[in-house]
């Protein structure tokens, strides 16, 4: 039977208190460079919309140039009265194809000398069993974990450059978790045998494992990159009505939208807090709608202590290795 602390942790993530860090709390960000993956819709779009009036340069990375340019136009139209409008730039990337990830990093590095905050937001959820990436990696793990790690490692020199002159703790990599880490992840967070064999049996578990994977990657990055002045943070943006549920059957999706899912902008508050709040420190685990939290899964914490996060980092690096140089 779940402990009272476990139930409380689930409850407060399902039904969070009102956000305290919103667009009103974001200070001017002029001269800062941000990159958001999956930014043409949903969470990424709402975050870019919040950041645009701050004066930042914001790269909106996605597969579709057409949809991203439409999103850029909508953001600009919504902020015609902005006194310090930022810059919105499309960057093509397909997180289900590692060569595309590498090309996106190369293109970004050709245009910028630094990167202040990277939000690894793009991902898939509930994909049909058997879905794989272009490199034949299980779809959720490949898209949500391997690709973001490759992308971040390729962009690491620009993050390090930003950290040399930025305020301490302000250069960050934000990874995207989920409440499903706590509710659907297999024992110890990830079933390594299943993902290696590509013979998973439940797409919800696949998705949850990929979100645990992001927690693992954030944990390892926090250790590895702290000497460079780069903070690594994982956040559960909340239960949101986004395209991540596009694979869920229509009837079930309608039930979720009615009972459990919130407006997407609330998840963007979580992401903004994780990336910009001065309260957040390296290694943080952020709950909706912008609070310090901690997963109630004792087995996963124990697995991390025993090296599971390091093992997963190494596993992902091996998959990405051909594209790292």
Protein backbone atom coordinates (compact mmCIF):
# COMPACT_ATOMS: atom_id res chain seq x y z
CA UNK A 1 0.00 0.00 0.00
CA UNK A 2 1.40 3.46 -0.91
CA UNK A 3 2.69 5.54 1.97
CA UNK A 4 1.00 8.77 3.01
CA UNK A 5 4.01 10.75 1.74
CA UNK A 6 3.69 9.05 -1.66
CA UNK A 7 -0.01 9.92 -1.88
CA UNK A 8 0.68 13.52 -0.83
CA UNK A 9 3.38 13.87 -3.49
CA UNK A 10 1.03 12.62 -6.21
CA UNK A 11 -1.83 14.79 -5.00
CA UNK A 12 0.16 18.03 -4.97
CA UNK A 13 1.48 17.34 -8.47
CA UNK A 14 -2.00 16.50 -9.78
CA UNK A 15 -3.54 19.54 -8.09
CA UNK A 16 -0.79 22.15 -7.65
CA UNK A 17 -1.21 25.46 -5.83
CA UNK A 18 -1.40 28.63 -7.91
CA UNK A 19 1.86 29.55 -9.66
CA UNK A 20 4.06 32.13 -7.97
CA UNK A 21 6.55 32.53 -10.85
CA UNK A 22 4.82 33.82 -13.99
CA UNK A 23 5.61 36.14 -16.89
CA UNK A 24 5.32 39.01 -14.40
CA UNK A 25 8.34 37.67 -12.50
CA UNK A 26 10.67 37.27 -15.48
CA UNK A 27 13.22 40.11 -15.51
CA UNK A 28 14.63 41.59 -18.73
CA UNK A 29 16.67 39.01 -20.64
CA UNK A 30 18.25 41.22 -23.29
CA UNK A 31 21.53 39.84 -24.70
CA UNK A 32 20.68 36.34 -23.46
CA UNK A 33 20.32 33.43 -25.90
CA UNK A 34 17.73 30.72 -25.31
CA UNK A 35 16.94 27.51 -27.17
CA UNK A 36 13.66 25.61 -26.82
CA UNK A 37 13.07 22.30 -28.58
CA UNK A 38 9.52 21.49 -29.63
CA UNK A 39 8.68 25.19 -29.61
CA UNK A 40 6.14 25.47 -32.43
CA UNK A 41 3.25 24.30 -30.23
CA UNK A 42 2.24 23.36 -26.72
CA UNK A 43 4.63 23.94 -23.86
CA UNK A 44 7.50 25.20 -25.96
CA UNK A 45 5.29 27.70 -27.75
CA UNK A 46 3.83 29.04 -24.50
CA UNK A 47 7.32 29.41 -23.03
CA UNK A 48 8.60 31.27 -26.10
CA UNK A 49 5.54 33.51 -25.89
CA UNK A 50 6.39 34.38 -22.28
CA UNK A 51 10.05 35.03 -23.06
CA UNK A 52 9.58 37.15 -26.19
CA UNK A 53 8.74 40.45 -24.38
CA UNK A 54 11.90 40.15 -22.25
CA UNK A 55 14.24 41.02 -25.13
CA UNK A 56 15.92 37.62 -25.37
CA UNK A 57 17.02 35.90 -28.55
CA UNK A 58 14.97 32.71 -28.68
CA UNK A 59 15.63 29.79 -31.00
CA UNK A 60 12.49 27.74 -31.58
CA UNK A 61 13.59 24.27 -32.66
CA UNK A 62 11.16 21.90 -34.36
CA UNK A 63 10.62 19.70 -37.42
CA UNK A 64 8.21 22.03 -39.23
CA UNK A 65 9.42 25.37 -40.50
CA UNK A 66 5.91 26.30 -41.65
CA UNK A 67 4.31 25.68 -38.28
CA UNK A 68 7.13 27.39 -36.41
CA UNK A 69 6.95 30.50 -38.59
CA UNK A 70 3.21 30.58 -37.96
CA UNK A 71 3.91 30.31 -34.23
CA UNK A 72 6.45 33.14 -34.43
CA UNK A 73 3.90 35.34 -36.20
CA UNK A 74 1.26 34.59 -33.54
CA UNK A 75 3.68 35.47 -30.74
CA UNK A 76 4.68 38.72 -32.40
CA UNK A 77 1.03 39.64 -33.03
CA UNK A 78 0.22 38.96 -29.37
CA UNK A 79 2.95 41.36 -28.21
CA UNK A 80 2.67 44.31 -30.57
CA UNK A 81 2.90 46.62 -27.55
CA UNK A 82 6.09 45.02 -26.18
CA UNK A 83 8.67 47.70 -25.30
CA UNK A 84 11.61 45.28 -25.45
CA UNK A 85 10.63 42.63 -27.98
CA UNK A 86 12.99 39.75 -28.40
CA UNK A 87 14.06 37.84 -31.49
CA UNK A 88 12.45 34.56 -32.56
CA UNK A 89 14.40 32.24 -34.87
CA UNK A 90 13.42 28.90 -36.38
CA UNK A 91 15.90 26.03 -36.06
CA UNK A 92 15.14 22.77 -37.82
CA UNK A 93 15.55 19.59 -35.79
CA UNK A 94 14.00 16.13 -35.81
CA UNK A 95 14.62 14.56 -32.41
CA UNK A 96 13.79 11.12 -33.83
CA UNK A 97 16.80 11.27 -36.15
CA UNK A 98 20.28 11.78 -34.67
CA UNK A 99 21.92 13.19 -37.84
CA UNK A 100 19.25 15.91 -37.79
CA UNK A 101 20.08 16.63 -34.15
CA UNK A 102 23.74 17.00 -35.02
CA UNK A 103 23.01 19.30 -37.96
CA UNK A 104 20.83 21.50 -35.76
CA UNK A 105 23.64 21.88 -33.23
CA UNK A 106 26.12 22.68 -36.00
CA UNK A 107 23.80 25.32 -37.46
CA UNK A 108 23.19 26.90 -34.06
CA UNK A 109 26.91 27.02 -33.30
CA UNK A 110 27.53 28.71 -36.64
CA UNK A 111 25.12 31.49 -35.68
CA UNK A 112 25.83 31.97 -31.97
CA UNK A 113 28.84 32.17 -29.68
CA UNK A 114 27.00 31.21 -26.50
CA UNK A 115 23.85 29.59 -25.13
CA UNK A 116 22.41 30.73 -21.81
CA UNK A 117 19.53 28.30 -21.28
CA UNK A 118 18.57 25.14 -23.16
CA UNK A 119 15.10 23.74 -22.58
CA UNK A 120 14.99 20.11 -23.72
CA UNK A 121 11.23 20.14 -24.19
CA UNK A 122 10.50 18.19 -27.39
CA UNK A 123 9.28 14.65 -26.97
CA UNK A 124 6.66 12.03 -27.70
CA UNK A 125 4.28 10.13 -25.45
CA UNK A 126 1.95 7.19 -25.84
CA UNK A 127 3.42 6.18 -29.20
CA UNK A 128 2.25 2.76 -30.46
CA UNK A 129 4.30 -0.24 -29.38
CA UNK A 130 7.09 -0.87 -31.82
CA UNK A 131 7.65 2.81 -32.63
CA UNK A 132 11.35 3.43 -33.20
CA UNK A 133 13.60 6.31 -34.15
CA UNK A 134 15.49 6.51 -37.44
CA UNK A 135 18.36 4.73 -35.67
CA UNK A 136 16.04 1.91 -34.52
CA UNK A 137 15.99 2.94 -30.85
CA UNK A 138 12.72 2.52 -28.94
CA UNK A 139 10.78 5.67 -29.83
CA UNK A 140 10.29 7.23 -26.40
CA UNK A 141 13.81 6.56 -25.15
CA UNK A 142 15.39 7.61 -28.44
CA UNK A 143 13.40 10.81 -28.91
CA UNK A 144 13.09 11.87 -25.28
CA UNK A 145 16.52 10.84 -23.96
CA UNK A 146 19.20 9.89 -26.49
CA UNK A 147 18.53 12.84 -28.80
CA UNK A 148 18.43 15.50 -26.05
CA UNK A 149 21.66 14.17 -24.55
CA UNK A 150 23.38 14.29 -27.94
CA UNK A 151 22.02 17.78 -28.61
CA UNK A 152 23.14 19.07 -25.22
CA UNK A 153 26.61 17.57 -25.49
CA UNK A 154 27.10 19.11 -28.92
CA UNK A 155 26.02 22.48 -27.52
CA UNK A 156 28.11 22.17 -24.37
CA UNK A 157 30.93 24.46 -25.62
CA UNK A 158 28.40 27.28 -26.07
CA UNK A 159 26.91 26.70 -22.63
CA UNK A 160 30.41 26.77 -21.15
CA UNK A 161 31.15 30.01 -22.99
CA UNK A 162 28.01 31.62 -21.56
CA UNK A 163 28.91 30.49 -18.04
CA UNK A 164 32.26 32.31 -18.13
CA UNK A 165 30.55 35.69 -17.89
CA UNK A 166 27.00 34.97 -16.65
CA UNK A 167 25.82 35.24 -13.04
CA UNK A 168 26.47 32.07 -11.07
CA UNK A 169 23.81 29.41 -11.61
CA UNK A 170 22.06 31.23 -14.45
CA UNK A 171 23.32 29.06 -17.32
CA UNK A 172 21.10 26.01 -17.30
CA UNK A 173 19.97 22.89 -19.07
CA UNK A 174 16.35 22.02 -18.30
CA UNK A 175 15.19 18.44 -18.84
CA UNK A 176 11.55 17.39 -19.00
CA UNK A 177 10.16 14.81 -16.62
CA UNK A 178 6.59 13.81 -15.81
CA UNK A 179 4.30 12.70 -13.01
CA UNK A 180 4.34 9.34 -14.78
CA UNK A 181 7.84 8.84 -13.41
CA UNK A 182 6.14 8.27 -10.07
CA UNK A 183 3.09 6.36 -11.29
CA UNK A 184 4.17 4.22 -14.27
CA UNK A 185 7.95 3.77 -14.21
CA UNK A 186 9.03 0.14 -13.79
CA UNK A 187 10.91 -0.91 -10.64
CA UNK A 188 14.12 1.14 -10.29
CA UNK A 189 12.92 3.50 -13.03
CA UNK A 190 14.16 1.80 -16.20
CA UNK A 191 14.13 -1.79 -17.43
CA UNK A 192 17.49 -1.87 -19.21
CA UNK A 193 16.94 -5.33 -20.67
CA UNK A 194 13.66 -4.27 -22.26
CA UNK A 195 14.94 -1.09 -23.89
CA UNK A 196 18.10 -2.78 -25.13
CA UNK A 197 16.13 -5.64 -26.66
CA UNK A 198 13.49 -3.27 -28.01
CA UNK A 199 10.81 -5.62 -26.70
CA UNK A 200 8.76 -3.40 -24.43
CA UNK A 201 5.16 -4.34 -23.71
CA UNK A 202 3.41 -1.14 -22.62
CA UNK A 203 3.69 2.31 -24.21
CA UNK A 204 2.79 4.07 -20.95
CA UNK A 205 5.69 2.34 -19.23
CA UNK A 206 7.94 3.22 -22.19
CA UNK A 207 7.01 6.89 -21.85
CA UNK A 208 7.42 6.86 -18.06
CA UNK A 209 10.81 5.18 -18.37
CA UNK A 210 11.94 7.85 -20.82
CA UNK A 211 10.95 10.54 -18.33
CA UNK A 212 12.84 8.73 -15.60
CA UNK A 213 15.68 8.69 -18.10
CA UNK A 214 15.57 12.48 -18.26
CA UNK A 215 15.81 12.60 -14.48
CA UNK A 216 18.82 10.27 -14.69
CA UNK A 217 20.46 12.42 -17.37
CA UNK A 218 19.84 15.60 -15.40
CA UNK A 219 21.34 13.98 -12.29
CA UNK A 220 24.51 12.96 -14.13
CA UNK A 221 24.80 16.29 -15.96
CA UNK A 222 24.55 18.14 -12.65
CA UNK A 223 27.67 16.32 -11.49
CA UNK A 224 29.58 16.45 -14.76
CA UNK A 225 28.98 20.08 -15.67
CA UNK A 226 29.03 21.77 -12.27
CA UNK A 227 32.76 22.56 -12.64
CA UNK A 228 31.88 24.54 -15.77
CA UNK A 229 29.25 26.62 -13.97
CA UNK A 230 26.35 24.96 -15.78
CA UNK A 231 23.27 23.95 -13.80
CA UNK A 232 21.17 20.93 -14.73
CA UNK A 233 17.53 20.81 -13.67
CA UNK A 234 14.67 18.37 -14.28
CA UNK A 235 11.06 19.46 -14.09
CA UNK A 236 7.63 17.88 -14.18
CA UNK A 237 5.70 20.56 -16.10
CA UNK A 238 2.35 19.18 -14.91
CA UNK A 239 -0.60 17.38 -16.46
CA UNK A 240 -1.23 19.46 -19.54
CA UNK A 241 -3.46 19.44 -22.59
CA UNK A 242 -0.73 19.15 -25.23
CA UNK A 243 0.07 17.24 -28.41
CA UNK A 244 1.98 14.72 -26.29
CA UNK A 245 -1.39 12.97 -25.98
CA UNK A 246 -1.95 12.74 -29.74
CA UNK A 247 -1.58 8.96 -29.69
CA UNK A 248 -4.11 8.48 -26.87
CA UNK A 249 -7.54 7.22 -28.08
CA UNK A 250 -10.03 10.07 -28.57
CA UNK A 251 -12.47 8.99 -25.83
CA UNK A 252 -9.73 8.60 -23.23
CA UNK A 253 -8.14 11.89 -24.32
CA UNK A 254 -11.47 13.68 -23.81
CA UNK A 255 -11.80 12.23 -20.31
CA UNK A 256 -8.27 13.34 -19.45
CA UNK A 257 -8.88 16.82 -20.84
CA UNK A 258 -12.02 17.17 -18.75
CA UNK A 259 -10.76 15.79 -15.45
CA UNK A 260 -6.99 16.08 -15.20
CA UNK A 261 -5.36 18.27 -17.84
CA UNK A 262 -4.59 21.96 -17.40
CA UNK A 263 -4.00 24.83 -19.81
CA UNK A 264 -0.58 24.55 -21.41
CA UNK A 265 0.58 27.94 -20.13
CA UNK A 266 0.72 26.54 -16.59
CA UNK A 267 3.38 24.07 -17.67
CA UNK A 268 5.29 26.95 -19.21
CA UNK A 269 5.33 28.56 -15.76
CA UNK A 270 7.04 25.42 -14.45
CA UNK A 271 9.58 25.57 -17.27
CA UNK A 272 10.22 29.28 -16.81
CA UNK A 273 10.79 28.75 -13.09
CA UNK A 274 13.18 25.87 -13.76
CA UNK A 275 15.16 27.88 -16.29
CA UNK A 276 15.13 31.36 -14.80
CA UNK A 277 14.22 31.50 -11.11
CA UNK A 278 17.05 32.47 -8.78
CA UNK A 279 15.65 29.96 -6.25
CA UNK A 280 16.65 27.03 -8.46
CA UNK A 281 20.05 25.42 -7.96
CA UNK A 282 22.03 22.74 -9.76
CA UNK A 283 20.45 19.30 -9.50
CA UNK A 284 16.98 20.61 -8.67
CA UNK A 285 13.80 18.56 -9.18
CA UNK A 286 10.95 20.97 -9.97
CA UNK A 287 7.21 20.35 -9.48
CA UNK A 288 4.28 22.20 -11.08
CA UNK A 289 3.77 25.15 -11.33
CA UNK A 290 7.26 26.09 -10.22
CA UNK A 291 8.22 24.59 -6.84
CA UNK A 292 11.11 22.60 -5.49
CA UNK A 293 10.08 18.98 -5.15
CA UNK A 294 11.29 15.41 -4.93
CA UNK A 295 10.06 12.19 -6.49
CA UNK A 296 8.43 9.92 -3.90
CA UNK A 297 9.80 6.81 -5.61
CA UNK A 298 12.28 5.48 -3.05
CA UNK A 299 13.28 2.63 -5.35
CA UNK A 300 14.41 5.06 -8.05
CA UNK A 301 16.40 7.16 -5.57
CA UNK A 302 18.09 3.98 -4.40
CA UNK A 303 18.77 2.93 -8.00
CA UNK A 304 20.46 6.27 -8.65
CA UNK A 305 22.65 5.77 -5.59
CA UNK A 306 23.62 2.34 -6.95
CA UNK A 307 24.64 3.72 -10.34
CA UNK A 308 21.52 3.39 -12.51
CA UNK A 309 21.69 7.01 -13.69
CA UNK A 310 25.35 6.66 -14.64
CA UNK A 311 24.56 3.40 -16.45
CA UNK A 312 21.76 5.06 -18.41
CA UNK A 313 23.97 8.03 -19.33
CA UNK A 314 26.58 5.62 -20.68
CA UNK A 315 23.91 3.65 -22.57
CA UNK A 316 22.61 6.83 -24.23
CA UNK A 317 26.13 8.01 -25.04
CA UNK A 318 26.85 4.73 -26.80
CA UNK A 319 23.77 5.19 -28.98
CA UNK A 320 24.76 8.79 -29.77
CA UNK A 321 28.50 8.16 -30.10
CA UNK A 322 28.64 8.04 -33.95
CA UNK A 323 27.25 11.59 -34.05
CA UNK A 324 29.27 13.22 -31.26
CA UNK A 325 32.28 14.18 -33.39
